[in-house]
Amino acid sequence: MCQFAAQTHATQLQTALTNRAAIDQAIGILRSRSGGTADEAFARLRQISQSENTKLAVVAETVVGEAPHLARGQVVHERVPTQVHQRLSRRHA
């Protein structure tokens, strides 16, 4: 049982590190678009997450994944939750 708990804990830590990296990247992207602070960018991610009932990490991954497409004016709708995409497009187009 202890080995299972240790393995579960290790998996959770790895997930947290991966999520943190995506969140940090998304914060950087939002800051570059808005000129705002890191706290403002994080608040924006959190606001979208809560209003769309979507995990913060998913919103962050969406921002990171769509950044190149949005920069070129291309949107790949099937890859992102529609509501999240619309909120980001309105705010940072």
PDB file of N, CA and C in Angstrom:
ATOM      1  N   MET A   1       0.815  -1.189   0.000  1.00  0.00           N
ATOM      2  CA  MET A   1       0.000   0.000   0.000  1.00  0.00           C
ATOM      3  C   MET A   1       0.861   1.255   0.000  1.00  0.00           C
ATOM      4  N   CYS A   2       1.980   1.264   0.703  1.00  0.00           N
ATOM      5  CA  CYS A   2       2.854   2.433   0.754  1.00  0.00           C
ATOM      6  C   CYS A   2       3.461   2.732  -0.608  1.00  0.00           C
ATOM      7  N   GLN A   3       3.802   1.680  -1.355  1.00  0.00           N
ATOM      8  CA  GLN A   3       4.368   1.879  -2.684  1.00  0.00           C
ATOM      9  C   GLN A   3       3.337   2.532  -3.603  1.00  0.00           C
ATOM     10  N   PHE A   4       2.092   2.109  -3.504  1.00  0.00           N
ATOM     11  CA  PHE A   4       1.025   2.705  -4.308  1.00  0.00           C
ATOM     12  C   PHE A   4       0.851   4.178  -3.954  1.00  0.00           C
ATOM     13  N   ALA A   5       0.864   4.491  -2.669  1.00  0.00           N
ATOM     14  CA  ALA A   5       0.713   5.880  -2.223  1.00  0.00           C
ATOM     15  C   ALA A   5       1.869   6.733  -2.721  1.00  0.00           C
ATOM     16  N   ALA A   6       3.078   6.200  -2.675  1.00  0.00           N
ATOM     17  CA  ALA A   6       4.248   6.942  -3.145  1.00  0.00           C
ATOM     18  C   ALA A   6       4.165   7.182  -4.650  1.00  0.00           C
ATOM     19  N   GLN A   7       3.721   6.173  -5.383  1.00  0.00           N
ATOM     20  CA  GLN A   7       3.593   6.314  -6.830  1.00  0.00           C
ATOM     21  C   GLN A   7       2.502   7.333  -7.176  1.00  0.00           C
ATOM     22  N   THR A   8       1.400   7.295  -6.453  1.00  0.00           N
ATOM     23  CA  THR A   8       0.321   8.256  -6.665  1.00  0.00           C
ATOM     24  C   THR A   8       0.806   9.670  -6.376  1.00  0.00           C
ATOM     25  N   HIS A   9       1.541   9.827  -5.295  1.00  0.00           N
ATOM     26  CA  HIS A   9       2.073  11.137  -4.929  1.00  0.00           C
ATOM     27  C   HIS A   9       3.039  11.645  -6.002  1.00  0.00           C
ATOM     28  N   ALA A  10       3.893  10.780  -6.503  1.00  0.00           N
ATOM     29  CA  ALA A  10       4.841  11.170  -7.554  1.00  0.00           C
ATOM     30  C   ALA A  10       4.103  11.603  -8.816  1.00  0.00           C
ATOM     31  N   THR A  11       3.051  10.897  -9.169  1.00  0.00           N
ATOM     32  CA  THR A  11       2.249  11.254 -10.340  1.00  0.00           C
ATOM     33  C   THR A  11       1.581  12.609 -10.143  1.00  0.00           C
ATOM     34  N   GLN A  12       1.061  12.844  -8.948  1.00  0.00           N
ATOM     35  CA  GLN A  12       0.417  14.124  -8.653  1.00  0.00           C
ATOM     36  C   GLN A  12       1.416  15.275  -8.722  1.00  0.00           C
ATOM     37  N   LEU A  13       2.622  15.056  -8.223  1.00  0.00           N
ATOM     38  CA  LEU A  13       3.650  16.093  -8.288  1.00  0.00           C
ATOM     39  C   LEU A  13       4.040  16.399  -9.730  1.00  0.00           C
ATOM     40  N   GLN A  14       4.170  15.365 -10.548  1.00  0.00           N
ATOM     41  CA  GLN A  14       4.512  15.565 -11.953  1.00  0.00           C
ATOM     42  C   GLN A  14       3.414  16.342 -12.669  1.00  0.00           C
ATOM     43  N   THR A  15       2.169  16.014 -12.387  1.00  0.00           N
ATOM     44  CA  THR A  15       1.041  16.734 -12.984  1.00  0.00           C
ATOM     45  C   THR A  15       1.051  18.195 -12.556  1.00  0.00           C
ATOM     46  N   ALA A  16       1.321  18.435 -11.287  1.00  0.00           N
ATOM     47  CA  ALA A  16       1.366  19.809 -10.780  1.00  0.00           C
ATOM     48  C   ALA A  16       2.463  20.612 -11.471  1.00  0.00           C
ATOM     49  N   LEU A  17       3.622  20.004 -11.682  1.00  0.00           N
ATOM     50  CA  LEU A  17       4.718  20.702 -12.365  1.00  0.00           C
ATOM     51  C   LEU A  17       4.361  21.010 -13.817  1.00  0.00           C
ATOM     52  N   THR A  18       3.739  20.061 -14.482  1.00  0.00           N
ATOM     53  CA  THR A  18       3.323  20.264 -15.867  1.00  0.00           C
ATOM     54  C   THR A  18       2.283  21.370 -15.953  1.00  0.00           C
ATOM     55  N   ASN A  19       1.300  21.320 -15.057  1.00  0.00           N
ATOM     56  CA  ASN A  19       0.263  22.354 -15.041  1.00  0.00           C
ATOM     57  C   ASN A  19       0.863  23.720 -14.759  1.00  0.00           C
ATOM     58  N   ARG A  20       1.792  23.775 -13.828  1.00  0.00           N
ATOM     59  CA  ARG A  20       2.416  25.047 -13.463  1.00  0.00           C
ATOM     60  C   ARG A  20       3.159  25.644 -14.658  1.00  0.00           C
ATOM     61  N   ALA A  21       3.830  24.799 -15.420  1.00  0.00           N
ATOM     62  CA  ALA A  21       4.547  25.290 -16.599  1.00  0.00           C
ATOM     63  C   ALA A  21       3.576  25.895 -17.612  1.00  0.00           C
ATOM     64  N   ALA A  22       2.463  25.227 -17.855  1.00  0.00           N
ATOM     65  CA  ALA A  22       1.465  25.744 -18.804  1.00  0.00           C
ATOM     66  C   ALA A  22       0.867  27.050 -18.296  1.00  0.00           C
ATOM     67  N   ILE A  23       0.594  27.123 -17.005  1.00  0.00           N
ATOM     68  CA  ILE A  23       0.021  28.341 -16.425  1.00  0.00           C
ATOM     69  C   ILE A  23       1.017  29.496 -16.545  1.00  0.00           C
ATOM     70  N   ASP A  24       2.282  29.236 -16.245  1.00  0.00           N
ATOM     71  CA  ASP A  24       3.304  30.283 -16.369  1.00  0.00           C
ATOM     72  C   ASP A  24       3.440  30.762 -17.814  1.00  0.00           C
ATOM     73  N   GLN A  25       3.398  29.835 -18.767  1.00  0.00           N
ATOM     74  CA  GLN A  25       3.478  30.224 -20.178  1.00  0.00           C
ATOM     75  C   GLN A  25       2.269  31.060 -20.579  1.00  0.00           C
ATOM     76  N   ALA A  26       1.094  30.647 -20.140  1.00  0.00           N
ATOM     77  CA  ALA A  26      -0.128  31.390 -20.467  1.00  0.00           C
ATOM     78  C   ALA A  26      -0.084  32.792 -19.868  1.00  0.00           C
ATOM     79  N   ILE A  27       0.418  32.907 -18.660  1.00  0.00           N
ATOM     80  CA  ILE A  27       0.557  34.224 -18.033  1.00  0.00           C
ATOM     81  C   ILE A  27       1.464  35.107 -18.888  1.00  0.00           C
ATOM     82  N   GLY A  28       2.561  34.557 -19.351  1.00  0.00           N
ATOM     83  CA  GLY A  28       3.476  35.318 -20.204  1.00  0.00           C
ATOM     84  C   GLY A  28       2.819  35.762 -21.504  1.00  0.00           C
ATOM     85  N   ILE A  29       2.042  34.887 -22.101  1.00  0.00           N
ATOM     86  CA  ILE A  29       1.346  35.217 -23.350  1.00  0.00           C
ATOM     87  C   ILE A  29       0.340  36.335 -23.113  1.00  0.00           C
ATOM     88  N   LEU A  30      -0.454  36.203 -22.066  1.00  0.00           N
ATOM     89  CA  LEU A  30      -1.453  37.233 -21.774  1.00  0.00           C
ATOM     90  C   LEU A  30      -0.789  38.565 -21.433  1.00  0.00           C
ATOM     91  N   ARG A  31       0.315  38.511 -20.714  1.00  0.00           N
ATOM     92  CA  ARG A  31       1.035  39.750 -20.388  1.00  0.00           C
ATOM     93  C   ARG A  31       1.560  40.419 -21.644  1.00  0.00           C
ATOM     94  N   SER A  32       2.067  39.634 -22.576  1.00  0.00           N
ATOM     95  CA  SER A  32       2.613  40.229 -23.799  1.00  0.00           C
ATOM     96  C   SER A  32       1.517  40.870 -24.639  1.00  0.00           C
ATOM     97  N   ARG A  33       0.317  40.339 -24.565  1.00  0.00           N
ATOM     98  CA  ARG A  33      -0.803  40.900 -25.329  1.00  0.00           C
ATOM     99  C   ARG A  33      -1.396  42.128 -24.664  1.00  0.00           C
ATOM    100  N   SER A  34      -1.470  42.100 -23.338  1.00  0.00           N
ATOM    101  CA  SER A  34      -2.186  43.170 -22.639  1.00  0.00           C
ATOM    102  C   SER A  34      -1.268  44.220 -22.031  1.00  0.00           C
ATOM    103  N   GLY A  35      -0.013  43.859 -21.800  1.00  0.00           N
ATOM    104  CA  GLY A  35       0.893  44.769 -21.123  1.00  0.00           C
ATOM    105  C   GLY A  35       0.651  44.820 -19.623  1.00  0.00           C
ATOM    106  N   GLY A  36      -0.194  43.926 -19.123  1.00  0.00           N
ATOM    107  CA  GLY A  36      -0.529  43.915 -17.703  1.00  0.00           C
ATOM    108  C   GLY A  36       0.495  43.167 -16.873  1.00  0.00           C
ATOM    109  N   THR A  37       0.191  43.070 -15.602  1.00  0.00           N
ATOM    110  CA  THR A  37       1.071  42.383 -14.663  1.00  0.00           C
ATOM    111  C   THR A  37       0.785  40.882 -14.661  1.00  0.00           C
ATOM    112  N   ALA A  38       1.681  40.143 -14.030  1.00  0.00           N
ATOM    113  CA  ALA A  38       1.480  38.703 -13.889  1.00  0.00           C
ATOM    114  C   ALA A  38       0.230  38.414 -13.063  1.00  0.00           C
ATOM    115  N   ASP A  39       0.002  39.208 -12.030  1.00  0.00           N
ATOM    116  CA  ASP A  39      -1.192  39.016 -11.203  1.00  0.00           C
ATOM    117  C   ASP A  39      -2.468  39.251 -12.007  1.00  0.00           C
ATOM    118  N   GLU A  40      -2.462  40.259 -12.872  1.00  0.00           N
ATOM    119  CA  GLU A  40      -3.631  40.533 -13.710  1.00  0.00           C
ATOM    120  C   GLU A  40      -3.873  39.401 -14.705  1.00  0.00           C
ATOM    121  N   ALA A  41      -2.800  38.887 -15.284  1.00  0.00           N
ATOM    122  CA  ALA A  41      -2.932  37.782 -16.239  1.00  0.00           C
ATOM    123  C   ALA A  41      -3.454  36.530 -15.538  1.00  0.00           C
ATOM    124  N   PHE A  42      -2.937  36.249 -14.351  1.00  0.00           N
ATOM    125  CA  PHE A  42      -3.414  35.086 -13.604  1.00  0.00           C
ATOM    126  C   PHE A  42      -4.882  35.261 -13.225  1.00  0.00           C
ATOM    127  N   ALA A  43      -5.248  36.468 -12.831  1.00  0.00           N
ATOM    128  CA  ALA A  43      -6.649  36.736 -12.487  1.00  0.00           C
ATOM    129  C   ALA A  43      -7.548  36.505 -13.696  1.00  0.00           C
ATOM    130  N   ARG A  44      -7.073  36.869 -14.883  1.00  0.00           N
ATOM    131  CA  ARG A  44      -7.848  36.653 -16.115  1.00  0.00           C
ATOM    132  C   ARG A  44      -8.023  35.157 -16.380  1.00  0.00           C
ATOM    133  N   LEU A  45      -6.954  34.397 -16.238  1.00  0.00           N
ATOM    134  CA  LEU A  45      -7.049  32.945 -16.410  1.00  0.00           C
ATOM    135  C   LEU A  45      -8.036  32.349 -15.408  1.00  0.00           C
ATOM    136  N   ARG A  46      -7.925  32.780 -14.164  1.00  0.00           N
ATOM    137  CA  ARG A  46      -8.805  32.273 -13.110  1.00  0.00           C
ATOM    138  C   ARG A  46     -10.261  32.640 -13.394  1.00  0.00           C
ATOM    139  N   GLN A  47     -10.489  33.869 -13.852  1.00  0.00           N
ATOM    140  CA  GLN A  47     -11.848  34.319 -14.167  1.00  0.00           C
ATOM    141  C   GLN A  47     -12.467  33.452 -15.270  1.00  0.00           C
ATOM    142  N   ILE A  48     -11.719  33.201 -16.324  1.00  0.00           N
ATOM    143  CA  ILE A  48     -12.222  32.365 -17.413  1.00  0.00           C
ATOM    144  C   ILE A  48     -12.474  30.950 -16.905  1.00  0.00           C
ATOM    145  N   SER A  49     -11.542  30.429 -16.129  1.00  0.00           N
ATOM    146  CA  SER A  49     -11.680  29.082 -15.578  1.00  0.00           C
ATOM    147  C   SER A  49     -12.965  28.947 -14.776  1.00  0.00           C
ATOM    148  N   GLN A  50     -13.214  29.905 -13.916  1.00  0.00           N
ATOM    149  CA  GLN A  50     -14.395  29.839 -13.057  1.00  0.00           C
ATOM    150  C   GLN A  50     -15.678  30.058 -13.841  1.00  0.00           C
ATOM    151  N   SER A  51     -15.677  31.023 -14.740  1.00  0.00           N
ATOM    152  CA  SER A  51     -16.912  31.323 -15.468  1.00  0.00           C
ATOM    153  C   SER A  51     -17.281  30.215 -16.449  1.00  0.00           C
ATOM    154  N   GLU A  52     -16.282  29.495 -16.944  1.00  0.00           N
ATOM    155  CA  GLU A  52     -16.540  28.411 -17.894  1.00  0.00           C
ATOM    156  C   GLU A  52     -16.553  27.045 -17.221  1.00  0.00           C
ATOM    157  N   ASN A  53     -16.336  27.028 -15.916  1.00  0.00           N
ATOM    158  CA  ASN A  53     -16.285  25.776 -15.172  1.00  0.00           C
ATOM    159  C   ASN A  53     -15.298  24.799 -15.824  1.00  0.00           C
ATOM    160  N   THR A  54     -14.126  25.338 -16.113  1.00  0.00           N
ATOM    161  CA  THR A  54     -13.057  24.589 -16.767  1.00  0.00           C
ATOM    162  C   THR A  54     -11.818  24.702 -15.898  1.00  0.00           C
ATOM    163  N   LYS A  55     -11.099  23.618 -15.757  1.00  0.00           N
ATOM    164  CA  LYS A  55      -9.899  23.647 -14.918  1.00  0.00           C
ATOM    165  C   LYS A  55      -8.923  24.700 -15.429  1.00  0.00           C
ATOM    166  N   LEU A  56      -8.260  25.348 -14.489  1.00  0.00           N
ATOM    167  CA  LEU A  56      -7.305  26.397 -14.819  1.00  0.00           C
ATOM    168  C   LEU A  56      -6.227  25.884 -15.770  1.00  0.00           C
ATOM    169  N   ALA A  57      -5.754  24.681 -15.541  1.00  0.00           N
ATOM    170  CA  ALA A  57      -4.715  24.115 -16.406  1.00  0.00           C
ATOM    171  C   ALA A  57      -5.213  23.957 -17.838  1.00  0.00           C
ATOM    172  N   VAL A  58      -6.477  23.613 -18.017  1.00  0.00           N
ATOM    173  CA  VAL A  58      -7.043  23.463 -19.367  1.00  0.00           C
ATOM    174  C   VAL A  58      -7.120  24.820 -20.057  1.00  0.00           C
ATOM    175  N   VAL A  59      -7.536  25.843 -19.325  1.00  0.00           N
ATOM    176  CA  VAL A  59      -7.583  27.194 -19.889  1.00  0.00           C
ATOM    177  C   VAL A  59      -6.171  27.625 -20.284  1.00  0.00           C
ATOM    178  N   ALA A  60      -5.200  27.383 -19.410  1.00  0.00           N
ATOM    179  CA  ALA A  60      -3.813  27.754 -19.699  1.00  0.00           C
ATOM    180  C   ALA A  60      -3.293  27.015 -20.929  1.00  0.00           C
ATOM    181  N   GLU A  61      -3.561  25.723 -21.019  1.00  0.00           N
ATOM    182  CA  GLU A  61      -3.123  24.946 -22.181  1.00  0.00           C
ATOM    183  C   GLU A  61      -3.778  25.462 -23.458  1.00  0.00           C
ATOM    184  N   THR A  62      -5.018  25.917 -23.353  1.00  0.00           N
ATOM    185  CA  THR A  62      -5.719  26.486 -24.499  1.00  0.00           C
ATOM    186  C   THR A  62      -5.026  27.762 -24.961  1.00  0.00           C
ATOM    187  N   VAL A  63      -4.687  28.620 -24.024  1.00  0.00           N
ATOM    188  CA  VAL A  63      -3.996  29.866 -24.362  1.00  0.00           C
ATOM    189  C   VAL A  63      -2.668  29.555 -25.041  1.00  0.00           C
ATOM    190  N   VAL A  64      -1.904  28.659 -24.463  1.00  0.00           N
ATOM    191  CA  VAL A  64      -0.592  28.308 -25.012  1.00  0.00           C
ATOM    192  C   VAL A  64      -0.739  27.661 -26.388  1.00  0.00           C
ATOM    193  N   GLY A  65      -1.678  26.747 -26.520  1.00  0.00           N
ATOM    194  CA  GLY A  65      -1.861  26.045 -27.786  1.00  0.00           C
ATOM    195  C   GLY A  65      -2.377  26.923 -28.903  1.00  0.00           C
ATOM    196  N   GLU A  66      -3.180  27.902 -28.560  1.00  0.00           N
ATOM    197  CA  GLU A  66      -3.771  28.772 -29.575  1.00  0.00           C
ATOM    198  C   GLU A  66      -2.947  30.013 -29.873  1.00  0.00           C
ATOM    199  N   ALA A  67      -1.955  30.322 -29.068  1.00  0.00           N
ATOM    200  CA  ALA A  67      -1.187  31.557 -29.246  1.00  0.00           C
ATOM    201  C   ALA A  67      -0.640  31.723 -30.663  1.00  0.00           C
ATOM    202  N   PRO A  68      -0.010  30.709 -31.250  1.00  0.00           N
ATOM    203  CA  PRO A  68       0.509  30.900 -32.615  1.00  0.00           C
ATOM    204  C   PRO A  68      -0.605  31.130 -33.639  1.00  0.00           C
ATOM    205  N   HIS A  69      -1.732  30.451 -33.458  1.00  0.00           N
ATOM    206  CA  HIS A  69      -2.847  30.596 -34.397  1.00  0.00           C
ATOM    207  C   HIS A  69      -3.493  31.968 -34.275  1.00  0.00           C
ATOM    208  N   LEU A  70      -3.681  32.418 -33.036  1.00  0.00           N
ATOM    209  CA  LEU A  70      -4.280  33.730 -32.821  1.00  0.00           C
ATOM    210  C   LEU A  70      -3.368  34.837 -33.331  1.00  0.00           C
ATOM    211  N   ALA A  71      -2.065  34.651 -33.187  1.00  0.00           N
ATOM    212  CA  ALA A  71      -1.112  35.655 -33.662  1.00  0.00           C
ATOM    213  C   ALA A  71      -1.169  35.792 -35.180  1.00  0.00           C
ATOM    214  N   ARG A  72      -1.478  34.696 -35.867  1.00  0.00           N
ATOM    215  CA  ARG A  72      -1.570  34.717 -37.333  1.00  0.00           C
ATOM    216  C   ARG A  72      -3.001  34.934 -37.812  1.00  0.00           C
ATOM    217  N   GLY A  73      -3.928  35.117 -36.869  1.00  0.00           N
ATOM    218  CA  GLY A  73      -5.315  35.320 -37.245  1.00  0.00           C
ATOM    219  C   GLY A  73      -6.031  34.032 -37.602  1.00  0.00           C
ATOM    220  N   GLN A  74      -5.419  32.898 -37.293  1.00  0.00           N
ATOM    221  CA  GLN A  74      -6.029  31.604 -37.570  1.00  0.00           C
ATOM    222  C   GLN A  74      -6.570  31.043 -36.271  1.00  0.00           C
ATOM    223  N   VAL A  75      -7.730  30.443 -36.344  1.00  0.00           N
ATOM    224  CA  VAL A  75      -8.321  29.843 -35.154  1.00  0.00           C
ATOM    225  C   VAL A  75      -8.696  28.411 -35.485  1.00  0.00           C
ATOM    226  N   VAL A  76      -8.278  27.510 -34.639  1.00  0.00           N
ATOM    227  CA  VAL A  76      -8.605  26.104 -34.823  1.00  0.00           C
ATOM    228  C   VAL A  76      -9.663  25.762 -33.783  1.00  0.00           C
ATOM    229  N   HIS A  77     -10.929  25.995 -34.136  1.00  0.00           N
ATOM    230  CA  HIS A  77     -12.023  25.874 -33.174  1.00  0.00           C
ATOM    231  C   HIS A  77     -12.141  24.493 -32.554  1.00  0.00           C
ATOM    232  N   GLU A  78     -11.905  23.456 -33.312  1.00  0.00           N
ATOM    233  CA  GLU A  78     -12.126  22.126 -32.756  1.00  0.00           C
ATOM    234  C   GLU A  78     -11.106  21.765 -31.688  1.00  0.00           C
ATOM    235  N   ARG A  79     -10.046  22.533 -31.568  1.00  0.00           N
ATOM    236  CA  ARG A  79      -9.024  22.214 -30.577  1.00  0.00           C
ATOM    237  C   ARG A  79      -9.233  22.910 -29.246  1.00  0.00           C
ATOM    238  N   VAL A  80     -10.163  23.840 -29.187  1.00  0.00           N
ATOM    239  CA  VAL A  80     -10.349  24.578 -27.940  1.00  0.00           C
ATOM    240  C   VAL A  80     -11.816  24.629 -27.571  1.00  0.00           C
ATOM    241  N   PRO A  81     -12.105  24.686 -26.287  1.00  0.00           N
ATOM    242  CA  PRO A  81     -13.495  24.895 -25.891  1.00  0.00           C
ATOM    243  C   PRO A  81     -13.984  26.232 -26.448  1.00  0.00           C
ATOM    244  N   THR A  82     -15.120  26.238 -27.097  1.00  0.00           N
ATOM    245  CA  THR A  82     -15.624  27.412 -27.795  1.00  0.00           C
ATOM    246  C   THR A  82     -15.732  28.626 -26.889  1.00  0.00           C
ATOM    247  N   GLN A  83     -16.284  28.466 -25.708  1.00  0.00           N
ATOM    248  CA  GLN A  83     -16.467  29.597 -24.810  1.00  0.00           C
ATOM    249  C   GLN A  83     -15.130  30.203 -24.401  1.00  0.00           C
ATOM    250  N   VAL A  84     -14.147  29.365 -24.123  1.00  0.00           N
ATOM    251  CA  VAL A  84     -12.827  29.861 -23.735  1.00  0.00           C
ATOM    252  C   VAL A  84     -12.224  30.634 -24.892  1.00  0.00           C
ATOM    253  N   HIS A  85     -12.303  30.070 -26.093  1.00  0.00           N
ATOM    254  CA  HIS A  85     -11.759  30.752 -27.265  1.00  0.00           C
ATOM    255  C   HIS A  85     -12.419  32.113 -27.463  1.00  0.00           C
ATOM    256  N   GLN A  86     -13.734  32.175 -27.355  1.00  0.00           N
ATOM    257  CA  GLN A  86     -14.445  33.430 -27.566  1.00  0.00           C
ATOM    258  C   GLN A  86     -14.015  34.477 -26.547  1.00  0.00           C
ATOM    259  N   ARG A  87     -13.865  34.088 -25.307  1.00  0.00           N
ATOM    260  CA  ARG A  87     -13.445  35.042 -24.278  1.00  0.00           C
ATOM    261  C   ARG A  87     -12.042  35.559 -24.546  1.00  0.00           C
ATOM    262  N   LEU A  88     -11.144  34.679 -24.960  1.00  0.00           N
ATOM    263  CA  LEU A  88      -9.781  35.112 -25.245  1.00  0.00           C
ATOM    264  C   LEU A  88      -9.740  35.994 -26.487  1.00  0.00           C
ATOM    265  N   SER A  89     -10.512  35.658 -27.498  1.00  0.00           N
ATOM    266  CA  SER A  89     -10.518  36.436 -28.733  1.00  0.00           C
ATOM    267  C   SER A  89     -11.046  37.842 -28.495  1.00  0.00           C
ATOM    268  N   ARG A  90     -12.111  37.963 -27.728  1.00  0.00           N
ATOM    269  CA  ARG A  90     -12.682  39.282 -27.439  1.00  0.00           C
ATOM    270  C   ARG A  90     -11.703  40.137 -26.662  1.00  0.00           C
ATOM    271  N   ARG A  91     -11.031  39.531 -25.736  1.00  0.00           N
ATOM    272  CA  ARG A  91     -10.182  40.278 -24.816  1.00  0.00           C
ATOM    273  C   ARG A  91      -8.835  40.628 -25.436  1.00  0.00           C
ATOM    274  N   HIS A  92      -8.315  39.744 -26.304  1.00  0.00           N
ATOM    275  CA  HIS A  92      -6.931  39.910 -26.757  1.00  0.00           C
ATOM    276  C   HIS A  92      -6.792  39.902 -28.266  1.00  0.00           C
ATOM    277  N   ALA A  93      -7.826  40.235 -28.985  1.00  0.00           N
ATOM    278  CA  ALA A  93      -7.732  40.217 -30.448  1.00  0.00           C
ATOM    279  C   ALA A  93      -6.972  41.424 -30.950  1.00  0.00           C
TER     280      ALA A  93
END
